[in-house]
Amino acid sequence: MDIISFEPLAKTMAIDSIIAYQKYISPSKGFSCSHRLLHGGDSCSNYVKTLLSEQKLQEAVQSSIKRFQDCAAARKTCDLHQS
């Protein structure tokens, strides 16, 4: 009995969604990734896109959650510096 893995399809769909976000939504939202602004390096969307291409889906999701938490903390730091 063959086991079908949906992981490649899920990863492709997630990456394609990020690409669409970067192309159509991100340019018009009026602000940048707080993590990138505070720490340099990749934006969260680029970071997650890279994770999805290099790691198993479950690992990428876990790393993404941590990154988004770090980005939220960076946002608070950026807000304090702008006040």
N, C-alpha and C. Protein backbone atom coordinates (compact mmCIF):
# COMPACT_ATOMS: atom_id res chain seq x y z
N MET A 1 0.84 -1.18 0.00
CA MET A 1 0.00 0.00 0.00
C MET A 1 0.88 1.24 0.00
N ASP A 2 0.69 2.09 -0.97
CA ASP A 2 1.45 3.34 -1.06
C ASP A 2 0.83 4.40 -0.16
N ILE A 3 1.68 5.16 0.49
CA ILE A 3 1.24 6.27 1.31
C ILE A 3 1.50 7.55 0.52
N ILE A 4 0.47 8.35 0.36
CA ILE A 4 0.60 9.60 -0.38
C ILE A 4 0.93 10.71 0.61
N SER A 5 1.97 11.47 0.30
CA SER A 5 2.35 12.61 1.13
C SER A 5 1.85 13.89 0.48
N PHE A 6 1.13 14.66 1.28
CA PHE A 6 0.64 15.94 0.80
C PHE A 6 1.61 17.07 1.11
N GLU A 7 2.73 16.74 1.77
CA GLU A 7 3.69 17.77 2.17
C GLU A 7 4.22 18.58 0.99
N PRO A 8 4.66 17.96 -0.10
CA PRO A 8 5.17 18.77 -1.22
C PRO A 8 4.12 19.74 -1.77
N LEU A 9 2.88 19.30 -1.88
CA LEU A 9 1.82 20.17 -2.36
C LEU A 9 1.55 21.30 -1.37
N ALA A 10 1.51 20.98 -0.09
CA ALA A 10 1.25 22.00 0.94
C ALA A 10 2.37 23.04 0.95
N LYS A 11 3.61 22.59 0.83
CA LYS A 11 4.73 23.52 0.81
C LYS A 11 4.69 24.41 -0.43
N THR A 12 4.37 23.83 -1.58
CA THR A 12 4.27 24.61 -2.83
C THR A 12 3.16 25.64 -2.73
N MET A 13 2.02 25.25 -2.17
CA MET A 13 0.91 26.18 -2.03
C MET A 13 1.27 27.31 -1.06
N ALA A 14 1.96 26.99 0.02
CA ALA A 14 2.37 28.02 0.98
C ALA A 14 3.36 28.99 0.35
N ILE A 15 4.34 28.46 -0.37
CA ILE A 15 5.34 29.32 -1.03
C ILE A 15 4.66 30.20 -2.07
N ASP A 16 3.76 29.63 -2.86
CA ASP A 16 3.04 30.43 -3.86
C ASP A 16 2.20 31.52 -3.21
N SER A 17 1.62 31.22 -2.06
CA SER A 17 0.83 32.23 -1.33
C SER A 17 1.72 33.36 -0.83
N ILE A 18 2.90 33.02 -0.35
CA ILE A 18 3.84 34.05 0.10
C ILE A 18 4.28 34.93 -1.06
N ILE A 19 4.56 34.32 -2.20
CA ILE A 19 4.96 35.07 -3.39
C ILE A 19 3.84 36.04 -3.78
N ALA A 20 2.59 35.59 -3.76
CA ALA A 20 1.46 36.46 -4.10
C ALA A 20 1.34 37.59 -3.08
N TYR A 21 1.50 37.28 -1.80
CA TYR A 21 1.48 38.31 -0.75
C TYR A 21 2.56 39.36 -1.02
N GLN A 22 3.78 38.89 -1.31
CA GLN A 22 4.89 39.82 -1.54
C GLN A 22 4.65 40.68 -2.77
N LYS A 23 4.00 40.14 -3.78
CA LYS A 23 3.81 40.87 -5.03
C LYS A 23 2.62 41.82 -4.97
N TYR A 24 1.52 41.40 -4.35
CA TYR A 24 0.28 42.17 -4.44
C TYR A 24 -0.13 42.89 -3.15
N ILE A 25 0.16 42.33 -2.00
CA ILE A 25 -0.32 42.91 -0.74
C ILE A 25 0.75 43.74 -0.05
N SER A 26 1.92 43.17 0.12
CA SER A 26 2.98 43.83 0.87
C SER A 26 3.32 45.23 0.36
N PRO A 27 3.44 45.43 -0.96
CA PRO A 27 3.81 46.77 -1.44
C PRO A 27 2.79 47.86 -1.11
N SER A 28 1.54 47.48 -0.91
CA SER A 28 0.50 48.49 -0.69
C SER A 28 0.12 48.66 0.78
N LYS A 29 0.70 47.89 1.68
CA LYS A 29 0.25 47.96 3.08
C LYS A 29 0.86 49.12 3.85
N GLY A 30 1.96 49.69 3.39
CA GLY A 30 2.47 50.91 3.99
C GLY A 30 3.44 50.75 5.14
N PHE A 31 3.86 49.56 5.46
CA PHE A 31 4.87 49.38 6.50
C PHE A 31 5.71 48.15 6.18
N SER A 32 6.86 48.05 6.84
CA SER A 32 7.79 46.95 6.59
C SER A 32 7.82 45.99 7.77
N CYS A 33 8.41 44.85 7.55
CA CYS A 33 8.57 43.83 8.59
C CYS A 33 9.39 44.41 9.74
N SER A 34 8.82 44.42 10.92
CA SER A 34 9.51 44.97 12.10
C SER A 34 10.78 44.21 12.44
N HIS A 35 10.75 42.90 12.26
CA HIS A 35 11.94 42.09 12.56
C HIS A 35 13.09 42.51 11.65
N ARG A 36 12.80 42.68 10.37
CA ARG A 36 13.84 43.08 9.41
C ARG A 36 14.35 44.49 9.72
N LEU A 37 13.44 45.39 10.08
CA LEU A 37 13.85 46.75 10.39
C LEU A 37 14.75 46.82 11.63
N LEU A 38 14.43 46.02 12.64
CA LEU A 38 15.18 46.05 13.89
C LEU A 38 16.49 45.26 13.81
N HIS A 39 16.43 44.08 13.19
CA HIS A 39 17.58 43.17 13.22
C HIS A 39 18.31 43.04 11.89
N GLY A 40 17.75 43.57 10.81
CA GLY A 40 18.34 43.37 9.49
C GLY A 40 18.00 41.99 8.97
N GLY A 41 18.56 41.65 7.84
CA GLY A 41 18.31 40.33 7.26
C GLY A 41 17.00 40.28 6.50
N ASP A 42 16.46 39.08 6.38
CA ASP A 42 15.24 38.85 5.61
C ASP A 42 13.99 39.34 6.34
N SER A 43 13.01 39.72 5.57
CA SER A 43 11.68 39.96 6.11
C SER A 43 11.12 38.61 6.56
N CYS A 44 10.05 38.65 7.34
CA CYS A 44 9.44 37.40 7.78
C CYS A 44 8.94 36.56 6.61
N SER A 45 8.38 37.22 5.60
CA SER A 45 7.88 36.45 4.46
C SER A 45 9.01 35.75 3.71
N ASN A 46 10.14 36.43 3.52
CA ASN A 46 11.28 35.77 2.88
C ASN A 46 11.85 34.66 3.75
N TYR A 47 11.90 34.92 5.05
CA TYR A 47 12.41 33.92 6.00
C TYR A 47 11.57 32.65 5.93
N VAL A 48 10.25 32.79 5.98
CA VAL A 48 9.37 31.63 5.97
C VAL A 48 9.44 30.92 4.61
N LYS A 49 9.52 31.68 3.54
CA LYS A 49 9.65 31.08 2.21
C LYS A 49 10.91 30.20 2.14
N THR A 50 12.01 30.70 2.70
CA THR A 50 13.25 29.92 2.74
C THR A 50 13.09 28.67 3.59
N LEU A 51 12.48 28.82 4.76
CA LEU A 51 12.25 27.66 5.62
C LEU A 51 11.47 26.57 4.89
N LEU A 52 10.42 26.98 4.19
CA LEU A 52 9.59 26.01 3.49
C LEU A 52 10.35 25.27 2.40
N SER A 53 11.32 25.93 1.81
CA SER A 53 12.09 25.27 0.74
C SER A 53 13.21 24.39 1.29
N GLU A 54 13.60 24.61 2.54
CA GLU A 54 14.76 23.90 3.09
C GLU A 54 14.44 22.89 4.19
N GLN A 55 13.27 22.98 4.80
CA GLN A 55 12.94 22.12 5.94
C GLN A 55 11.67 21.33 5.67
N LYS A 56 11.44 20.34 6.53
CA LYS A 56 10.17 19.64 6.50
C LYS A 56 9.09 20.62 6.93
N LEU A 57 7.87 20.38 6.47
CA LEU A 57 6.77 21.30 6.71
C LEU A 57 6.56 21.57 8.20
N GLN A 58 6.53 20.54 9.02
CA GLN A 58 6.29 20.72 10.45
C GLN A 58 7.38 21.57 11.10
N GLU A 59 8.63 21.34 10.71
CA GLU A 59 9.74 22.15 11.24
C GLU A 59 9.61 23.60 10.80
N ALA A 60 9.25 23.81 9.55
CA ALA A 60 9.10 25.17 9.03
C ALA A 60 7.97 25.91 9.75
N VAL A 61 6.88 25.22 10.02
CA VAL A 61 5.76 25.84 10.73
C VAL A 61 6.20 26.24 12.14
N GLN A 62 6.89 25.36 12.84
CA GLN A 62 7.34 25.67 14.20
C GLN A 62 8.31 26.85 14.20
N SER A 63 9.24 26.87 13.28
CA SER A 63 10.18 27.99 13.18
C SER A 63 9.48 29.29 12.81
N SER A 64 8.44 29.18 11.97
CA SER A 64 7.67 30.36 11.57
C SER A 64 6.94 30.97 12.75
N ILE A 65 6.36 30.13 13.59
CA ILE A 65 5.66 30.62 14.78
C ILE A 65 6.61 31.41 15.65
N LYS A 66 7.80 30.87 15.88
CA LYS A 66 8.81 31.57 16.69
C LYS A 66 9.18 32.90 16.05
N ARG A 67 9.38 32.90 14.74
CA ARG A 67 9.75 34.12 14.04
C ARG A 67 8.67 35.19 14.16
N PHE A 68 7.40 34.80 14.01
CA PHE A 68 6.32 35.76 14.12
C PHE A 68 6.21 36.32 15.54
N GLN A 69 6.50 35.50 16.54
CA GLN A 69 6.54 35.99 17.91
C GLN A 69 7.67 37.01 18.08
N ASP A 70 8.82 36.70 17.52
CA ASP A 70 9.96 37.63 17.58
C ASP A 70 9.65 38.93 16.83
N CYS A 71 8.92 38.83 15.73
CA CYS A 71 8.56 40.01 14.95
C CYS A 71 7.59 40.89 15.74
N ALA A 72 6.67 40.26 16.46
CA ALA A 72 5.73 41.03 17.29
C ALA A 72 6.49 41.79 18.38
N ALA A 73 7.48 41.12 18.97
CA ALA A 73 8.30 41.79 19.98
C ALA A 73 9.11 42.93 19.36
N ALA A 74 9.61 42.71 18.16
CA ALA A 74 10.36 43.77 17.46
C ALA A 74 9.45 44.95 17.17
N ARG A 75 8.20 44.69 16.85
CA ARG A 75 7.25 45.77 16.58
C ARG A 75 7.08 46.65 17.81
N LYS A 76 6.99 46.02 18.97
CA LYS A 76 6.85 46.79 20.20
C LYS A 76 8.09 47.64 20.45
N THR A 77 9.26 47.10 20.17
CA THR A 77 10.51 47.85 20.33
C THR A 77 10.55 49.01 19.35
N CYS A 78 10.17 48.78 18.11
CA CYS A 78 10.16 49.86 17.11
C CYS A 78 9.18 50.95 17.51
N ASP A 79 8.01 50.55 18.04
CA ASP A 79 7.02 51.53 18.48
C ASP A 79 7.57 52.40 19.61
N LEU A 80 8.31 51.81 20.53
CA LEU A 80 8.89 52.57 21.65
C LEU A 80 9.89 53.59 21.14
N HIS A 81 10.69 53.22 20.15
CA HIS A 81 11.71 54.12 19.62
C HIS A 81 11.11 55.26 18.80
N GLN A 82 9.90 55.05 18.25
CA GLN A 82 9.26 56.07 17.44
C GLN A 82 8.46 57.06 18.29
N SER A 83 8.18 56.69 19.53
CA SER A 83 7.37 57.57 20.40
C SER A 83 8.16 58.71 20.95
